Protein backbone atom coordinates (compact mmCIF):
# COMPACT_ATOMS: atom_id res chain seq x y z
CA VAL A 1 0.34 0.25 -0.05
CA GLU A 2 1.81 3.45 -0.85
CA ALA A 3 0.00 7.02 -0.23
CA LEU A 4 0.88 9.53 -2.68
CA GLY A 5 -0.57 13.05 -2.41
CA THR A 6 -0.23 12.91 1.49
CA ARG A 7 2.28 14.85 4.08
CA ASN A 8 3.56 13.12 6.60
CA ARG A 9 3.38 14.39 10.23
CA GLU A 10 6.11 15.86 12.03
CA MET A 11 7.11 17.48 15.04
CA ALA A 12 8.45 21.31 14.48
CA VAL A 13 10.94 22.67 17.46
CA GLU A 14 10.78 26.76 16.89
CA PHE A 15 14.43 27.34 19.58
CA ASP A 16 14.96 31.45 20.56
CA PRO A 17 18.15 32.07 19.33
CA GLU A 18 19.12 34.28 22.54
CA ALA A 19 17.44 31.19 24.84
CA LEU A 20 20.59 28.94 23.51
CA ALA A 21 23.04 31.94 23.67
CA ALA A 22 21.70 32.38 26.97
CA VAL A 23 22.88 28.55 27.97
CA ASN A 24 25.82 28.70 26.07
CA ILE A 25 25.13 26.40 23.08
CA ALA A 26 25.15 26.96 19.54
CA PRO A 27 22.25 26.14 17.03
CA LEU A 28 24.47 23.63 15.90
CA GLU A 29 24.97 21.51 19.38
CA MET A 30 21.62 21.85 20.23
CA PHE A 31 20.91 19.98 15.83
CA ALA A 32 23.58 18.00 16.58
CA ALA A 33 21.27 16.58 19.70
CA ILE A 34 18.74 15.59 18.00
CA GLY A 35 20.08 14.43 15.11
CA ASN A 36 22.11 12.26 17.45
CA ARG A 37 18.89 11.03 19.03
CA ASP A 38 17.61 10.06 15.42
CA ALA A 39 14.42 12.35 15.29
CA ALA A 40 12.14 12.90 12.57
CA LEU A 41 11.15 16.29 12.41
CA SER A 42 11.71 19.83 10.93
CA ALA A 43 13.32 21.68 13.43
CA GLY A 44 12.49 24.85 11.34
CA LEU A 45 14.41 27.62 9.98
CA VAL A 46 17.40 30.61 11.49
CA ASP A 47 18.05 33.56 10.76
CA TRP A 48 21.86 32.97 12.69
CA GLU A 49 25.21 34.37 11.87
CA GLY A 50 24.32 36.37 8.90
CA GLY A 51 22.19 32.95 6.83
CA ALA A 52 19.53 31.02 6.97
CA TRP A 53 19.74 27.43 8.36
CA ALA A 54 16.98 24.92 7.42
CA PHE A 55 17.47 22.40 10.53
CA ARG A 56 15.55 18.56 9.23
CA VAL A 57 16.27 15.28 10.44
CA SER A 58 15.39 11.35 10.13
CA GLY A 59 13.68 9.30 12.42
CA GLU A 60 11.66 9.07 14.86
CA PHE A 61 10.76 9.89 18.53
CA SER A 62 7.52 8.79 20.15
CA SER A 63 5.79 11.67 21.62
CA GLU A 64 6.45 15.95 21.63
CA GLU A 65 7.13 15.35 25.45
CA ASP A 66 9.57 12.72 24.50
CA LEU A 67 11.93 15.52 22.05
CA ALA A 68 11.08 18.38 24.99
CA SER A 69 12.67 16.36 27.70
CA LEU A 70 15.63 15.62 25.38
CA ILE A 71 19.24 17.16 27.18
CA ILE A 72 21.10 19.09 25.11
CA GLY A 73 23.64 20.24 26.72
CA GLY A 74 24.08 22.78 30.73
CA LEU A 75 26.17 21.49 33.62
CA PRO A 76 25.84 18.29 36.03
CA GLY A 77 23.10 18.73 38.24
CA LYS A 78 21.70 22.13 35.40
CA PRO A 79 20.93 19.94 32.52
CA VAL A 80 19.62 21.93 28.84
CA ARG A 81 16.47 20.09 27.18
CA ILE A 82 15.04 21.66 24.11
CA ARG A 83 12.12 22.77 26.27
CA ASP A 84 13.67 24.97 27.92
CA VAL A 85 15.29 26.68 24.96
CA ALA A 86 12.13 26.18 22.11
CA GLU A 87 8.41 25.68 21.16
CA ILE A 88 7.67 22.24 20.23
CA GLY A 89 4.74 21.56 18.31
CA PRO A 90 2.74 20.21 15.74
CA ALA A 91 3.36 20.58 11.94
CA TYR A 92 3.99 18.52 8.28
CA GLU A 93 6.42 17.77 5.83
CA PRO A 94 6.58 19.88 2.38
CA ARG A 95 4.52 19.21 -0.29
CA ASN A 96 7.24 16.95 -2.47
CA GLU A 97 3.82 16.24 -5.18
CA ILE A 98 0.75 17.37 -5.74
CA ILE A 99 -2.59 15.37 -6.71
CA ARG A 100 -5.51 16.53 -8.28
CA SER A 101 -8.53 14.70 -9.80
CA GLY A 102 -11.66 16.84 -10.94
CA GLY A 103 -9.62 20.05 -10.14
CA ALA A 104 -9.63 19.08 -6.37
CA ASP A 105 -6.50 17.87 -4.01
CA SER A 106 -6.95 14.27 -4.19
CA VAL A 107 -5.33 11.83 -1.68
CA VAL A 108 -3.98 8.61 -4.53
CA ILE A 109 -4.40 5.02 -2.47
CA GLN A 110 -2.46 2.51 -4.49
CA VAL A 111 -2.63 -0.99 -3.86
CA SER A 112 -0.57 -3.43 -5.23
CA LYS A 113 -1.24 -7.47 -4.47
CA ARG A 114 1.43 -10.34 -4.40
CA GLU A 115 2.08 -12.29 -6.19
CA THR A 116 0.40 -14.93 -4.13
CA GLY A 117 -2.47 -12.40 -3.56
CA ASN A 118 -5.92 -12.71 -4.93
CA ALA A 119 -6.65 -9.74 -6.99
CA MET A 120 -10.28 -10.07 -7.44
CA ARG A 121 -11.33 -10.66 -3.40
CA ILE A 122 -8.77 -7.70 -2.27
CA SER A 123 -11.39 -4.84 -5.12
CA ARG A 124 -14.04 -6.35 -3.22
CA GLU A 125 -12.45 -6.37 0.55
CA ILE A 126 -10.99 -1.98 -0.38
CA ARG A 127 -15.48 -1.59 -1.93
CA LYS A 128 -15.95 -2.70 0.95
CA ILE A 129 -13.63 -0.35 3.12
CA LEU A 130 -14.41 2.17 1.23
CA LYS A 131 -18.16 2.75 1.35
CA ASN A 132 -17.86 2.35 5.28
CA ARG A 133 -15.55 5.32 4.67
CA GLU A 134 -18.35 6.79 2.31
CA LYS A 135 -20.57 6.52 5.40
CA GLU A 136 -18.10 7.64 8.15
CA ASN A 137 -17.00 10.96 5.95
CA PRO A 138 -20.14 11.83 3.70
CA ALA A 139 -18.18 15.08 2.89
CA VAL A 140 -14.59 13.47 1.03
CA ASP A 141 -14.98 11.88 -2.32
CA PHE A 142 -13.31 7.88 -2.71
CA SER A 143 -12.83 6.96 -6.06
CA ILE A 144 -11.70 4.18 -7.69
CA LEU A 145 -9.29 5.31 -10.85
CA HIS A 146 -7.56 2.13 -11.73
CA ASP A 147 -8.66 -1.44 -10.25
CA ASP A 148 -6.81 -4.26 -12.12
CA SER A 149 -9.56 -6.96 -10.92
CA ASP A 150 -11.46 -5.48 -14.18
CA ILE A 151 -8.89 -7.23 -16.20
CA VAL A 152 -8.30 -9.96 -14.19
CA LEU A 153 -12.80 -10.63 -14.07
CA LEU A 154 -12.43 -10.22 -18.63
CA ALA A 155 -9.51 -12.73 -18.69
CA LEU A 156 -11.50 -14.25 -16.86
CA ARG A 157 -14.65 -14.43 -18.86
CA THR A 158 -12.10 -14.66 -21.58
CA VAL A 159 -10.94 -18.16 -20.48
CA ALA A 160 -14.31 -19.64 -19.78
CA GLY A 161 -16.10 -18.23 -23.04
CA SER A 162 -12.93 -20.17 -24.78
CA ALA A 163 -13.63 -23.06 -22.57
CA SER A 164 -17.59 -23.40 -23.83
CA VAL A 165 -16.39 -22.74 -27.34
CA GLY A 166 -13.67 -25.59 -27.40
CA ILE A 167 -16.46 -28.62 -25.77
CA LEU A 168 -18.71 -27.33 -28.01
CA MET A 169 -16.26 -28.06 -31.16
CA ALA A 170 -14.63 -31.33 -29.95
CA ILE A 171 -19.01 -32.12 -29.15
CA ALA A 172 -19.17 -31.75 -33.01
CA VAL A 173 -16.41 -32.78 -34.35
CA ILE A 174 -17.33 -36.44 -32.07
CA TRP A 175 -20.26 -36.57 -33.90
CA LEU A 176 -19.15 -35.64 -37.14
CA PHE A 177 -16.61 -37.80 -37.85
CA LEU A 178 -18.18 -40.57 -35.84
CA ARG A 179 -22.10 -40.36 -36.32
CA SER A 180 -22.81 -41.80 -33.11
CA TRP A 181 -22.73 -40.76 -29.43
CA ARG A 182 -21.69 -44.25 -28.67
C-alpha cells in the first residue's frame, strides 16, 4: 500500500536563538543532539550568523514530550532540555507532490497485490472499506481510479468463453466423425 499526495505529520522545533545563547549552546549543537537521537522532525528555519538555516533530521521520537525532554547540554546537575530553549508543536512535512482529480486536491492510495494475492478478493475488500468510509465521511469523495480486478475478470470471462467454445467444437467433431454418441 502506497499513499501519494499526502503529507506526513512531524514535530517542529522553533528555538529561540537568545535562549540558546544564554545557556551557551549553539544552534548546531542542538541540531547535533537531536540528530544523535535520530529524530524525525523539521527543526525549523533560523536566521543565524547572516544566513537562513533549515534544520531537518530523520528518525523518530515517540511523542512531543519525548522530544521536549531531550537534554541538549548544560552543566552537571543543571541539564538544558529542548523545552527550555524552544517551542515544539505539530507540523507537516513540505509537499513534494500534488495529486489532483476533478479539479480538487486528492490523495491516491495505491494497493498492489503480491504474487500470491487474489486481485478479485482484494478489490472486493477495498470497495467494502471505501463504502464504510463514505458513510463515516460524507463530505469526502472516495473513488477508484484504476482497478486491475476488471482486467482479471475480463480474462476469466475470456477463458470461460474459450473453454465453452472448445467443448462445443469437441462435441461437434466427435459427432461428425463418429456419427454416434456411443
